[in-house]
Amino acid sequence: MGFLCPECKNKELEITSSIEIPPDTRSDEITLQVLRCTRCGFKSLGLYEESRRGNLREEYVNHKGIYIPEAELKDIELMIKKCPDPRNSKCICDSHRYFSVKAKGRWKCIERLIYYNTFVLEF
């Protein structure tokens, strides 16, 4: 069972590809994902961030969908496919270097993308 699709409202929004990004000063895990609804065909970008800093029992998870132009989503999907090891945040391929841009210790790739809005990913 997937996430709730914001278009058709069915729980069939699936992660079709993803790439792990190195941690930054805020998040211990960062994953950029391509999402697709198996029911209606809706596609979007997904962003998963997790921080386990502070109290041992505390963790912060932010998982959201991002509406972006289809052409840009296709480019991202292609770059993920070109990576030889997308689950390895330490990979030094061209795709990882492109997606891993930081400024002052913070991950900045998402700010380079054209996107319209975000939505909550829920089961």
PDB file of N, CA and C in Angstrom:
ATOM      1  N   MET A   1       0.839  -1.173   0.000  1.00  0.00           N
ATOM      2  CA  MET A   1       0.000   0.000   0.000  1.00  0.00           C
ATOM      3  C   MET A   1       0.890   1.245   0.000  1.00  0.00           C
ATOM      4  N   GLY A   2       0.538   2.197  -0.835  1.00  0.00           N
ATOM      5  CA  GLY A   2       1.343   3.399  -0.976  1.00  0.00           C
ATOM      6  C   GLY A   2       0.804   4.574  -0.178  1.00  0.00           C
ATOM      7  N   PHE A   3       1.299   5.733  -0.531  1.00  0.00           N
ATOM      8  CA  PHE A   3       0.844   6.978   0.081  1.00  0.00           C
ATOM      9  C   PHE A   3      -0.457   7.419  -0.579  1.00  0.00           C
ATOM     10  N   LEU A   4      -1.153   8.321   0.084  1.00  0.00           N
ATOM     11  CA  LEU A   4      -2.383   8.890  -0.450  1.00  0.00           C
ATOM     12  C   LEU A   4      -2.046   9.834  -1.602  1.00  0.00           C
ATOM     13  N   CYS A   5      -2.592   9.555  -2.772  1.00  0.00           N
ATOM     14  CA  CYS A   5      -2.355  10.397  -3.947  1.00  0.00           C
ATOM     15  C   CYS A   5      -3.178  11.681  -3.811  1.00  0.00           C
ATOM     16  N   PRO A   6      -2.557  12.854  -3.987  1.00  0.00           N
ATOM     17  CA  PRO A   6      -3.305  14.106  -3.857  1.00  0.00           C
ATOM     18  C   PRO A   6      -4.281  14.349  -5.010  1.00  0.00           C
ATOM     19  N   GLU A   7      -4.140  13.611  -6.093  1.00  0.00           N
ATOM     20  CA  GLU A   7      -5.019  13.792  -7.253  1.00  0.00           C
ATOM     21  C   GLU A   7      -6.255  12.895  -7.181  1.00  0.00           C
ATOM     22  N   CYS A   8      -6.053  11.578  -7.098  1.00  0.00           N
ATOM     23  CA  CYS A   8      -7.193  10.652  -7.141  1.00  0.00           C
ATOM     24  C   CYS A   8      -7.643  10.184  -5.760  1.00  0.00           C
ATOM     25  N   LYS A   9      -6.887  10.540  -4.721  1.00  0.00           N
ATOM     26  CA  LYS A   9      -7.220  10.210  -3.321  1.00  0.00           C
ATOM     27  C   LYS A   9      -7.171   8.718  -3.012  1.00  0.00           C
ATOM     28  N   ASN A  10      -6.468   7.947  -3.824  1.00  0.00           N
ATOM     29  CA  ASN A  10      -6.245   6.533  -3.537  1.00  0.00           C
ATOM     30  C   ASN A  10      -4.862   6.364  -2.926  1.00  0.00           C
ATOM     31  N   LYS A  11      -4.685   5.322  -2.138  1.00  0.00           N
ATOM     32  CA  LYS A  11      -3.396   5.078  -1.486  1.00  0.00           C
ATOM     33  C   LYS A  11      -2.493   4.254  -2.399  1.00  0.00           C
ATOM     34  N   GLU A  12      -2.192   4.844  -3.559  1.00  0.00           N
ATOM     35  CA  GLU A  12      -1.390   4.137  -4.555  1.00  0.00           C
ATOM     36  C   GLU A  12      -0.237   4.984  -5.089  1.00  0.00           C
ATOM     37  N   LEU A  13       0.195   5.960  -4.310  1.00  0.00           N
ATOM     38  CA  LEU A  13       1.345   6.783  -4.683  1.00  0.00           C
ATOM     39  C   LEU A  13       2.597   6.066  -4.192  1.00  0.00           C
ATOM     40  N   GLU A  14       3.415   5.602  -5.118  1.00  0.00           N
ATOM     41  CA  GLU A  14       4.578   4.758  -4.804  1.00  0.00           C
ATOM     42  C   GLU A  14       5.887   5.480  -5.098  1.00  0.00           C
ATOM     43  N   ILE A  15       6.923   5.107  -4.371  1.00  0.00           N
ATOM     44  CA  ILE A  15       8.275   5.593  -4.653  1.00  0.00           C
ATOM     45  C   ILE A  15       8.823   4.721  -5.777  1.00  0.00           C
ATOM     46  N   THR A  16       9.116   5.336  -6.930  1.00  0.00           N
ATOM     47  CA  THR A  16       9.609   4.561  -8.072  1.00  0.00           C
ATOM     48  C   THR A  16      11.128   4.602  -8.191  1.00  0.00           C
ATOM     49  N   SER A  17      11.749   5.643  -7.678  1.00  0.00           N
ATOM     50  CA  SER A  17      13.213   5.719  -7.631  1.00  0.00           C
ATOM     51  C   SER A  17      13.600   6.723  -6.556  1.00  0.00           C
ATOM     52  N   SER A  18      14.821   6.584  -6.055  1.00  0.00           N
ATOM     53  CA  SER A  18      15.281   7.492  -5.002  1.00  0.00           C
ATOM     54  C   SER A  18      16.798   7.538  -4.979  1.00  0.00           C
ATOM     55  N   ILE A  19      17.305   8.583  -4.347  1.00  0.00           N
ATOM     56  CA  ILE A  19      18.748   8.745  -4.191  1.00  0.00           C
ATOM     57  C   ILE A  19      19.022   9.322  -2.803  1.00  0.00           C
ATOM     58  N   GLU A  20      19.955   8.694  -2.095  1.00  0.00           N
ATOM     59  CA  GLU A  20      20.341   9.134  -0.754  1.00  0.00           C
ATOM     60  C   GLU A  20      21.359  10.265  -0.876  1.00  0.00           C
ATOM     61  N   ILE A  21      21.113  11.334  -0.140  1.00  0.00           N
ATOM     62  CA  ILE A  21      21.976  12.514  -0.149  1.00  0.00           C
ATOM     63  C   ILE A  21      22.764  12.543   1.164  1.00  0.00           C
ATOM     64  N   PRO A  22      24.012  13.015   1.157  1.00  0.00           N
ATOM     65  CA  PRO A  22      24.764  13.087   2.411  1.00  0.00           C
ATOM     66  C   PRO A  22      24.059  13.975   3.441  1.00  0.00           C
ATOM     67  N   PRO A  23      24.247  13.682   4.738  1.00  0.00           N
ATOM     68  CA  PRO A  23      23.631  14.499   5.780  1.00  0.00           C
ATOM     69  C   PRO A  23      24.123  15.943   5.726  1.00  0.00           C
ATOM     70  N   ASP A  24      23.330  16.829   6.300  1.00  0.00           N
ATOM     71  CA  ASP A  24      23.753  18.224   6.412  1.00  0.00           C
ATOM     72  C   ASP A  24      23.699  18.629   7.883  1.00  0.00           C
ATOM     73  N   THR A  25      23.799  19.907   8.163  1.00  0.00           N
ATOM     74  CA  THR A  25      23.825  20.364   9.556  1.00  0.00           C
ATOM     75  C   THR A  25      22.478  20.201  10.251  1.00  0.00           C
ATOM     76  N   ARG A  26      21.435  19.908   9.498  1.00  0.00           N
ATOM     77  CA  ARG A  26      20.103  19.760  10.084  1.00  0.00           C
ATOM     78  C   ARG A  26      19.597  18.321  10.068  1.00  0.00           C
ATOM     79  N   SER A  27      19.881  17.580   9.010  1.00  0.00           N
ATOM     80  CA  SER A  27      19.299  16.241   8.840  1.00  0.00           C
ATOM     81  C   SER A  27      20.371  15.164   8.762  1.00  0.00           C
ATOM     82  N   ASP A  28      20.081  14.031   9.411  1.00  0.00           N
ATOM     83  CA  ASP A  28      20.980  12.877   9.359  1.00  0.00           C
ATOM     84  C   ASP A  28      20.742  12.039   8.110  1.00  0.00           C
ATOM     85  N   GLU A  29      19.517  12.058   7.623  1.00  0.00           N
ATOM     86  CA  GLU A  29      19.171  11.346   6.392  1.00  0.00           C
ATOM     87  C   GLU A  29      18.397  12.288   5.488  1.00  0.00           C
ATOM     88  N   ILE A  30      18.768  12.285   4.211  1.00  0.00           N
ATOM     89  CA  ILE A  30      18.047  13.053   3.199  1.00  0.00           C
ATOM     90  C   ILE A  30      17.896  12.137   1.985  1.00  0.00           C
ATOM     91  N   THR A  31      16.669  11.974   1.533  1.00  0.00           N
ATOM     92  CA  THR A  31      16.411  11.138   0.364  1.00  0.00           C
ATOM     93  C   THR A  31      15.505  11.890  -0.601  1.00  0.00           C
ATOM     94  N   LEU A  32      15.948  11.987  -1.828  1.00  0.00           N
ATOM     95  CA  LEU A  32      15.156  12.587  -2.898  1.00  0.00           C
ATOM     96  C   LEU A  32      14.483  11.437  -3.642  1.00  0.00           C
ATOM     97  N   GLN A  33      13.164  11.542  -3.875  1.00  0.00           N
ATOM     98  CA  GLN A  33      12.406  10.428  -4.429  1.00  0.00           C
ATOM     99  C   GLN A  33      11.539  10.869  -5.608  1.00  0.00           C
ATOM    100  N   VAL A  34      11.326   9.960  -6.530  1.00  0.00           N
ATOM    101  CA  VAL A  34      10.343  10.162  -7.589  1.00  0.00           C
ATOM    102  C   VAL A  34       9.128   9.325  -7.194  1.00  0.00           C
ATOM    103  N   LEU A  35       7.951   9.953  -7.207  1.00  0.00           N
ATOM    104  CA  LEU A  35       6.714   9.301  -6.791  1.00  0.00           C
ATOM    105  C   LEU A  35       5.758   9.192  -7.980  1.00  0.00           C
ATOM    106  N   ARG A  36       5.030   8.076  -8.043  1.00  0.00           N
ATOM    107  CA  ARG A  36       4.047   7.893  -9.117  1.00  0.00           C
ATOM    108  C   ARG A  36       2.857   7.119  -8.573  1.00  0.00           C
ATOM    109  N   CYS A  37       1.662   7.586  -8.921  1.00  0.00           N
ATOM    110  CA  CYS A  37       0.437   6.893  -8.529  1.00  0.00           C
ATOM    111  C   CYS A  37       0.148   5.790  -9.541  1.00  0.00           C
ATOM    112  N   THR A  38       0.008   4.566  -9.046  1.00  0.00           N
ATOM    113  CA  THR A  38      -0.267   3.438  -9.933  1.00  0.00           C
ATOM    114  C   THR A  38      -1.712   3.435 -10.420  1.00  0.00           C
ATOM    115  N   ARG A  39      -2.559   4.238  -9.806  1.00  0.00           N
ATOM    116  CA  ARG A  39      -3.970   4.310 -10.220  1.00  0.00           C
ATOM    117  C   ARG A  39      -4.181   5.360 -11.305  1.00  0.00           C
ATOM    118  N   CYS A  40      -3.752   6.613 -11.047  1.00  0.00           N
ATOM    119  CA  CYS A  40      -4.074   7.702 -11.989  1.00  0.00           C
ATOM    120  C   CYS A  40      -2.872   8.218 -12.785  1.00  0.00           C
ATOM    121  N   GLY A  41      -1.655   7.777 -12.418  1.00  0.00           N
ATOM    122  CA  GLY A  41      -0.468   8.201 -13.155  1.00  0.00           C
ATOM    123  C   GLY A  41       0.151   9.503 -12.678  1.00  0.00           C
ATOM    124  N   PHE A  42      -0.419  10.124 -11.635  1.00  0.00           N
ATOM    125  CA  PHE A  42       0.152  11.355 -11.085  1.00  0.00           C
ATOM    126  C   PHE A  42       1.607  11.121 -10.698  1.00  0.00           C
ATOM    127  N   LYS A  43       2.467  12.108 -10.992  1.00  0.00           N
ATOM    128  CA  LYS A  43       3.888  12.006 -10.643  1.00  0.00           C
ATOM    129  C   LYS A  43       4.328  13.260  -9.905  1.00  0.00           C
ATOM    130  N   SER A  44       5.231  13.080  -8.965  1.00  0.00           N
ATOM    131  CA  SER A  44       5.795  14.222  -8.243  1.00  0.00           C
ATOM    132  C   SER A  44       7.137  13.818  -7.644  1.00  0.00           C
ATOM    133  N   LEU A  45       7.752  14.787  -7.022  1.00  0.00           N
ATOM    134  CA  LEU A  45       9.001  14.565  -6.311  1.00  0.00           C
ATOM    135  C   LEU A  45       8.666  14.324  -4.850  1.00  0.00           C
ATOM    136  N   GLY A  46       9.456  13.520  -4.180  1.00  0.00           N
ATOM    137  CA  GLY A  46       9.313  13.307  -2.745  1.00  0.00           C
ATOM    138  C   GLY A  46      10.605  13.698  -2.057  1.00  0.00           C
ATOM    139  N   LEU A  47      10.488  14.201  -0.848  1.00  0.00           N
ATOM    140  CA  LEU A  47      11.663  14.557  -0.053  1.00  0.00           C
ATOM    141  C   LEU A  47      11.481  13.997   1.350  1.00  0.00           C
ATOM    142  N   TYR A  48      12.422  13.140   1.756  1.00  0.00           N
ATOM    143  CA  TYR A  48      12.413  12.554   3.095  1.00  0.00           C
ATOM    144  C   TYR A  48      13.621  13.090   3.848  1.00  0.00           C
ATOM    145  N   GLU A  49      13.372  13.678   5.012  1.00  0.00           N
ATOM    146  CA  GLU A  49      14.454  14.156   5.875  1.00  0.00           C
ATOM    147  C   GLU A  49      14.211  13.623   7.280  1.00  0.00           C
ATOM    148  N   GLU A  50      15.281  13.120   7.888  1.00  0.00           N
ATOM    149  CA  GLU A  50      15.184  12.603   9.250  1.00  0.00           C
ATOM    150  C   GLU A  50      16.363  13.114  10.063  1.00  0.00           C
ATOM    151  N   SER A  51      16.051  13.565  11.272  1.00  0.00           N
ATOM    152  CA  SER A  51      17.088  14.027  12.187  1.00  0.00           C
ATOM    153  C   SER A  51      16.958  13.259  13.494  1.00  0.00           C
ATOM    154  N   ARG A  52      18.074  12.723  13.973  1.00  0.00           N
ATOM    155  CA  ARG A  52      18.097  11.994  15.236  1.00  0.00           C
ATOM    156  C   ARG A  52      19.004  12.709  16.231  1.00  0.00           C
ATOM    157  N   ARG A  53      19.013  14.001  16.191  1.00  0.00           N
ATOM    158  CA  ARG A  53      19.891  14.779  17.063  1.00  0.00           C
ATOM    159  C   ARG A  53      19.141  15.188  18.320  1.00  0.00           C
ATOM    160  N   GLY A  54      19.862  15.333  19.402  1.00  0.00           N
ATOM    161  CA  GLY A  54      19.215  15.719  20.657  1.00  0.00           C
ATOM    162  C   GLY A  54      18.959  14.493  21.505  1.00  0.00           C
ATOM    163  N   ASN A  55      17.843  14.468  22.213  1.00  0.00           N
ATOM    164  CA  ASN A  55      17.452  13.382  23.090  1.00  0.00           C
ATOM    165  C   ASN A  55      17.434  12.064  22.312  1.00  0.00           C
ATOM    166  N   LEU A  56      17.927  10.994  22.935  1.00  0.00           N
ATOM    167  CA  LEU A  56      18.014   9.699  22.255  1.00  0.00           C
ATOM    168  C   LEU A  56      16.660   9.174  21.796  1.00  0.00           C
ATOM    169  N   ARG A  57      15.593   9.563  22.462  1.00  0.00           N
ATOM    170  CA  ARG A  57      14.271   9.076  22.091  1.00  0.00           C
ATOM    171  C   ARG A  57      13.563   9.989  21.100  1.00  0.00           C
ATOM    172  N   GLU A  58      14.210  11.052  20.718  1.00  0.00           N
ATOM    173  CA  GLU A  58      13.576  11.994  19.806  1.00  0.00           C
ATOM    174  C   GLU A  58      14.136  11.849  18.399  1.00  0.00           C
ATOM    175  N   GLU A  59      13.246  11.904  17.465  1.00  0.00           N
ATOM    176  CA  GLU A  59      13.656  11.994  16.077  1.00  0.00           C
ATOM    177  C   GLU A  59      12.624  12.852  15.357  1.00  0.00           C
ATOM    178  N   TYR A  60      13.105  13.551  14.382  1.00  0.00           N
ATOM    179  CA  TYR A  60      12.241  14.425  13.598  1.00  0.00           C
ATOM    180  C   TYR A  60      12.213  13.882  12.183  1.00  0.00           C
ATOM    181  N   VAL A  61      11.024  13.641  11.662  1.00  0.00           N
ATOM    182  CA  VAL A  61      10.878  13.145  10.297  1.00  0.00           C
ATOM    183  C   VAL A  61      10.001  14.117   9.519  1.00  0.00           C
ATOM    184  N   ASN A  62      10.465  14.505   8.349  1.00  0.00           N
ATOM    185  CA  ASN A  62       9.695  15.343   7.442  1.00  0.00           C
ATOM    186  C   ASN A  62       9.673  14.632   6.092  1.00  0.00           C
ATOM    187  N   HIS A  63       8.504  14.187   5.687  1.00  0.00           N
ATOM    188  CA  HIS A  63       8.363  13.483   4.411  1.00  0.00           C
ATOM    189  C   HIS A  63       7.261  14.187   3.643  1.00  0.00           C
ATOM    190  N   LYS A  64       7.613  14.806   2.535  1.00  0.00           N
ATOM    191  CA  LYS A  64       6.623  15.580   1.792  1.00  0.00           C
ATOM    192  C   LYS A  64       6.733  15.317   0.303  1.00  0.00           C
ATOM    193  N   GLY A  65       5.645  15.591  -0.382  1.00  0.00           N
ATOM    194  CA  GLY A  65       5.617  15.548  -1.830  1.00  0.00           C
ATOM    195  C   GLY A  65       5.783  16.959  -2.356  1.00  0.00           C
ATOM    196  N   ILE A  66       6.353  17.068  -3.542  1.00  0.00           N
ATOM    197  CA  ILE A  66       6.632  18.379  -4.128  1.00  0.00           C
ATOM    198  C   ILE A  66       6.123  18.384  -5.568  1.00  0.00           C
ATOM    199  N   TYR A  67       5.231  19.325  -5.858  1.00  0.00           N
ATOM    200  CA  TYR A  67       4.746  19.490  -7.230  1.00  0.00           C
ATOM    201  C   TYR A  67       5.818  20.213  -8.037  1.00  0.00           C
ATOM    202  N   ILE A  68       6.324  19.577  -9.088  1.00  0.00           N
ATOM    203  CA  ILE A  68       7.302  20.227  -9.967  1.00  0.00           C
ATOM    204  C   ILE A  68       6.916  19.952 -11.422  1.00  0.00           C
ATOM    205  N   PRO A  69       7.427  20.759 -12.345  1.00  0.00           N
ATOM    206  CA  PRO A  69       7.115  20.527 -13.761  1.00  0.00           C
ATOM    207  C   PRO A  69       7.564  19.126 -14.202  1.00  0.00           C
ATOM    208  N   GLU A  70       6.788  18.531 -15.082  1.00  0.00           N
ATOM    209  CA  GLU A  70       7.069  17.172 -15.541  1.00  0.00           C
ATOM    210  C   GLU A  70       8.454  17.044 -16.173  1.00  0.00           C
ATOM    211  N   ALA A  71       8.864  18.038 -16.944  1.00  0.00           N
ATOM    212  CA  ALA A  71      10.186  17.984 -17.591  1.00  0.00           C
ATOM    213  C   ALA A  71      11.296  17.944 -16.549  1.00  0.00           C
ATOM    214  N   GLU A  72      11.155  18.718 -15.490  1.00  0.00           N
ATOM    215  CA  GLU A  72      12.172  18.723 -14.441  1.00  0.00           C
ATOM    216  C   GLU A  72      12.181  17.394 -13.686  1.00  0.00           C
ATOM    217  N   LEU A  73      11.005  16.842 -13.448  1.00  0.00           N
ATOM    218  CA  LEU A  73      10.915  15.543 -12.784  1.00  0.00           C
ATOM    219  C   LEU A  73      11.581  14.457 -13.627  1.00  0.00           C
ATOM    220  N   LYS A  74      11.380  14.498 -14.936  1.00  0.00           N
ATOM    221  CA  LYS A  74      12.024  13.527 -15.834  1.00  0.00           C
ATOM    222  C   LYS A  74      13.544  13.646 -15.770  1.00  0.00           C
ATOM    223  N   ASP A  75      14.054  14.882 -15.719  1.00  0.00           N
ATOM    224  CA  ASP A  75      15.500  15.094 -15.607  1.00  0.00           C
ATOM    225  C   ASP A  75      16.041  14.495 -14.312  1.00  0.00           C
ATOM    226  N   ILE A  76      15.321  14.704 -13.219  1.00  0.00           N
ATOM    227  CA  ILE A  76      15.736  14.162 -11.923  1.00  0.00           C
ATOM    228  C   ILE A  76      15.727  12.638 -11.966  1.00  0.00           C
ATOM    229  N   GLU A  77      14.680  12.080 -12.532  1.00  0.00           N
ATOM    230  CA  GLU A  77      14.570  10.625 -12.647  1.00  0.00           C
ATOM    231  C   GLU A  77      15.729  10.049 -13.462  1.00  0.00           C
ATOM    232  N   LEU A  78      16.085  10.712 -14.536  1.00  0.00           N
ATOM    233  CA  LEU A  78      17.211  10.283 -15.372  1.00  0.00           C
ATOM    234  C   LEU A  78      18.531  10.333 -14.601  1.00  0.00           C
ATOM    235  N   MET A  79      18.718  11.405 -13.839  1.00  0.00           N
ATOM    236  CA  MET A  79      19.951  11.534 -13.058  1.00  0.00           C
ATOM    237  C   MET A  79      20.045  10.443 -11.996  1.00  0.00           C
ATOM    238  N   ILE A  80      18.925  10.124 -11.367  1.00  0.00           N
ATOM    239  CA  ILE A  80      18.925   9.045 -10.373  1.00  0.00           C
ATOM    240  C   ILE A  80      19.292   7.720 -11.048  1.00  0.00           C
ATOM    241  N   LYS A  81      18.734   7.458 -12.228  1.00  0.00           N
ATOM    242  CA  LYS A  81      19.024   6.214 -12.951  1.00  0.00           C
ATOM    243  C   LYS A  81      20.490   6.111 -13.357  1.00  0.00           C
ATOM    244  N   LYS A  82      21.139   7.248 -13.595  1.00  0.00           N
ATOM    245  CA  LYS A  82      22.552   7.246 -13.997  1.00  0.00           C
ATOM    246  C   LYS A  82      23.491   6.919 -12.839  1.00  0.00           C
ATOM    247  N   CYS A  83      23.019   7.073 -11.610  1.00  0.00           N
ATOM    248  CA  CYS A  83      23.872   6.807 -10.449  1.00  0.00           C
ATOM    249  C   CYS A  83      24.108   5.308 -10.300  1.00  0.00           C
ATOM    250  N   PRO A  84      25.372   4.890 -10.127  1.00  0.00           N
ATOM    251  CA  PRO A  84      25.661   3.466  -9.967  1.00  0.00           C
ATOM    252  C   PRO A  84      25.262   2.915  -8.592  1.00  0.00           C
ATOM    253  N   ASP A  85      25.068   3.797  -7.601  1.00  0.00           N
ATOM    254  CA  ASP A  85      24.774   3.346  -6.240  1.00  0.00           C
ATOM    255  C   ASP A  85      23.895   4.372  -5.515  1.00  0.00           C
ATOM    256  N   PRO A  86      22.621   4.514  -5.911  1.00  0.00           N
ATOM    257  CA  PRO A  86      21.771   5.573  -5.357  1.00  0.00           C
ATOM    258  C   PRO A  86      21.485   5.459  -3.857  1.00  0.00           C
ATOM    259  N   ARG A  87      21.681   4.288  -3.274  1.00  0.00           N
ATOM    260  CA  ARG A  87      21.448   4.123  -1.828  1.00  0.00           C
ATOM    261  C   ARG A  87      22.659   4.512  -0.990  1.00  0.00           C
ATOM    262  N   ASN A  88      23.744   4.842  -1.652  1.00  0.00           N
ATOM    263  CA  ASN A  88      24.982   5.201  -0.955  1.00  0.00           C
ATOM    264  C   ASN A  88      25.158   6.718  -0.972  1.00  0.00           C
ATOM    265  N   SER A  89      24.936   7.359   0.152  1.00  0.00           N
ATOM    266  CA  SER A  89      25.049   8.824   0.214  1.00  0.00           C
ATOM    267  C   SER A  89      26.486   9.304   0.023  1.00  0.00           C
ATOM    268  N   LYS A  90      27.444   8.376   0.088  1.00  0.00           N
ATOM    269  CA  LYS A  90      28.856   8.748  -0.089  1.00  0.00           C
ATOM    270  C   LYS A  90      29.335   8.555  -1.527  1.00  0.00           C
ATOM    271  N   CYS A  91      28.442   8.136  -2.404  1.00  0.00           N
ATOM    272  CA  CYS A  91      28.781   7.958  -3.818  1.00  0.00           C
ATOM    273  C   CYS A  91      29.249   9.304  -4.389  1.00  0.00           C
ATOM    274  N   ILE A  92      30.233   9.271  -5.272  1.00  0.00           N
ATOM    275  CA  ILE A  92      30.781  10.526  -5.816  1.00  0.00           C
ATOM    276  C   ILE A  92      30.493  10.684  -7.310  1.00  0.00           C
ATOM    277  N   CYS A  93      29.441  10.030  -7.781  1.00  0.00           N
ATOM    278  CA  CYS A  93      29.072  10.155  -9.195  1.00  0.00           C
ATOM    279  C   CYS A  93      28.563  11.573  -9.481  1.00  0.00           C
ATOM    280  N   ASP A  94      28.390  11.886 -10.763  1.00  0.00           N
ATOM    281  CA  ASP A  94      27.902  13.213 -11.160  1.00  0.00           C
ATOM    282  C   ASP A  94      26.530  13.526 -10.565  1.00  0.00           C
ATOM    283  N   SER A  95      25.653  12.538 -10.515  1.00  0.00           N
ATOM    284  CA  SER A  95      24.310  12.761  -9.967  1.00  0.00           C
ATOM    285  C   SER A  95      24.379  13.133  -8.492  1.00  0.00           C
ATOM    286  N   HIS A  96      25.153  12.383  -7.728  1.00  0.00           N
ATOM    287  CA  HIS A  96      25.291  12.705  -6.307  1.00  0.00           C
ATOM    288  C   HIS A  96      25.921  14.083  -6.110  1.00  0.00           C
ATOM    289  N   ARG A  97      26.903  14.407  -6.912  1.00  0.00           N
ATOM    290  CA  ARG A  97      27.526  15.732  -6.774  1.00  0.00           C
ATOM    291  C   ARG A  97      26.510  16.831  -7.070  1.00  0.00           C
ATOM    292  N   TYR A  98      25.664  16.636  -8.071  1.00  0.00           N
ATOM    293  CA  TYR A  98      24.651  17.631  -8.410  1.00  0.00           C
ATOM    294  C   TYR A  98      23.626  17.783  -7.279  1.00  0.00           C
ATOM    295  N   PHE A  99      23.139  16.657  -6.775  1.00  0.00           N
ATOM    296  CA  PHE A  99      22.101  16.697  -5.749  1.00  0.00           C
ATOM    297  C   PHE A  99      22.624  17.060  -4.358  1.00  0.00           C
ATOM    298  N   SER A 100      23.922  16.977  -4.129  1.00  0.00           N
ATOM    299  CA  SER A 100      24.480  17.166  -2.787  1.00  0.00           C
ATOM    300  C   SER A 100      24.975  18.576  -2.489  1.00  0.00           C
ATOM    301  N   VAL A 101      24.581  19.544  -3.268  1.00  0.00           N
ATOM    302  CA  VAL A 101      25.044  20.925  -3.083  1.00  0.00           C
ATOM    303  C   VAL A 101      24.636  21.453  -1.710  1.00  0.00           C
ATOM    304  N   LYS A 102      25.607  22.060  -1.021  1.00  0.00           N
ATOM    305  CA  LYS A 102      25.353  22.651   0.296  1.00  0.00           C
ATOM    306  C   LYS A 102      25.870  24.078   0.326  1.00  0.00           C
ATOM    307  N   ALA A 103      25.281  24.867   1.199  1.00  0.00           N
ATOM    308  CA  ALA A 103      25.760  26.223   1.477  1.00  0.00           C
ATOM    309  C   ALA A 103      25.663  26.426   2.982  1.00  0.00           C
ATOM    310  N   LYS A 104      26.768  26.809   3.572  1.00  0.00           N
ATOM    311  CA  LYS A 104      26.839  26.993   5.029  1.00  0.00           C
ATOM    312  C   LYS A 104      26.361  25.746   5.769  1.00  0.00           C
ATOM    313  N   GLY A 105      26.715  24.579   5.234  1.00  0.00           N
ATOM    314  CA  GLY A 105      26.393  23.317   5.876  1.00  0.00           C
ATOM    315  C   GLY A 105      24.993  22.789   5.627  1.00  0.00           C
ATOM    316  N   ARG A 106      24.147  23.556   4.955  1.00  0.00           N
ATOM    317  CA  ARG A 106      22.760  23.158   4.704  1.00  0.00           C
ATOM    318  C   ARG A 106      22.580  22.693   3.266  1.00  0.00           C
ATOM    319  N   TRP A 107      21.797  21.655   3.082  1.00  0.00           N
ATOM    320  CA  TRP A 107      21.493  21.112   1.766  1.00  0.00           C
ATOM    321  C   TRP A 107      20.670  22.131   0.994  1.00  0.00           C
ATOM    322  N   LYS A 108      21.076  22.434  -0.249  1.00  0.00           N
ATOM    323  CA  LYS A 108      20.438  23.498  -1.021  1.00  0.00           C
ATOM    324  C   LYS A 108      19.852  23.056  -2.355  1.00  0.00           C
ATOM    325  N   CYS A 109      19.944  21.806  -2.703  1.00  0.00           N
ATOM    326  CA  CYS A 109      19.486  21.362  -4.022  1.00  0.00           C
ATOM    327  C   CYS A 109      18.023  21.704  -4.273  1.00  0.00           C
ATOM    328  N   ILE A 110      17.187  21.520  -3.282  1.00  0.00           N
ATOM    329  CA  ILE A 110      15.757  21.762  -3.470  1.00  0.00           C
ATOM    330  C   ILE A 110      15.486  23.213  -3.854  1.00  0.00           C
ATOM    331  N   GLU A 111      16.315  24.122  -3.410  1.00  0.00           N
ATOM    332  CA  GLU A 111      16.125  25.539  -3.730  1.00  0.00           C
ATOM    333  C   GLU A 111      16.461  25.846  -5.187  1.00  0.00           C
ATOM    334  N   ARG A 112      17.204  24.956  -5.836  1.00  0.00           N
ATOM    335  CA  ARG A 112      17.539  25.156  -7.251  1.00  0.00           C
ATOM    336  C   ARG A 112      16.438  24.653  -8.174  1.00  0.00           C
ATOM    337  N   LEU A 113      15.508  23.901  -7.638  1.00  0.00           N
ATOM    338  CA  LEU A 113      14.443  23.331  -8.455  1.00  0.00           C
ATOM    339  C   LEU A 113      13.291  24.317  -8.621  1.00  0.00           C
ATOM    340  N   ILE A 114      12.601  24.176  -9.737  1.00  0.00           N
ATOM    341  CA  ILE A 114      11.364  24.926  -9.946  1.00  0.00           C
ATOM    342  C   ILE A 114      10.254  24.067  -9.347  1.00  0.00           C
ATOM    343  N   TYR A 115       9.595  24.574  -8.331  1.00  0.00           N
ATOM    344  CA  TYR A 115       8.472  23.807  -7.797  1.00  0.00           C
ATOM    345  C   TYR A 115       7.342  24.736  -7.402  1.00  0.00           C
ATOM    346  N   TYR A 116       6.138  24.180  -7.394  1.00  0.00           N
ATOM    347  CA  TYR A 116       4.941  24.984  -7.200  1.00  0.00           C
ATOM    348  C   TYR A 116       4.452  24.976  -5.764  1.00  0.00           C
ATOM    349  N   ASN A 117       4.457  23.826  -5.152  1.00  0.00           N
ATOM    350  CA  ASN A 117       3.903  23.699  -3.818  1.00  0.00           C
ATOM    351  C   ASN A 117       4.297  22.335  -3.268  1.00  0.00           C
ATOM    352  N   THR A 118       3.980  22.106  -2.020  1.00  0.00           N
ATOM    353  CA  THR A 118       4.262  20.813  -1.403  1.00  0.00           C
ATOM    354  C   THR A 118       2.961  20.219  -0.859  1.00  0.00           C
ATOM    355  N   PHE A 119       3.002  18.936  -0.567  1.00  0.00           N
ATOM    356  CA  PHE A 119       1.859  18.271   0.064  1.00  0.00           C
ATOM    357  C   PHE A 119       2.384  17.219   1.027  1.00  0.00           C
ATOM    358  N   VAL A 120       1.591  16.916   2.040  1.00  0.00           N
ATOM    359  CA  VAL A 120       1.970  15.942   3.056  1.00  0.00           C
ATOM    360  C   VAL A 120       1.833  14.539   2.471  1.00  0.00           C
ATOM    361  N   LEU A 121       2.832  13.720   2.707  1.00  0.00           N
ATOM    362  CA  LEU A 121       2.748  12.312   2.302  1.00  0.00           C
ATOM    363  C   LEU A 121       2.162  11.534   3.474  1.00  0.00           C
ATOM    364  N   GLU A 122       1.013  10.950   3.260  1.00  0.00           N
ATOM    365  CA  GLU A 122       0.360  10.203   4.333  1.00  0.00           C
ATOM    366  C   GLU A 122      -0.097   8.838   3.834  1.00  0.00           C
ATOM    367  N   PHE A 123      -0.070   7.879   4.755  1.00  0.00           N
ATOM    368  CA  PHE A 123      -0.498   6.508   4.426  1.00  0.00           C
ATOM    369  C   PHE A 123      -2.004   6.395   4.524  1.00  0.00           C
TER     370      PHE A 123
END
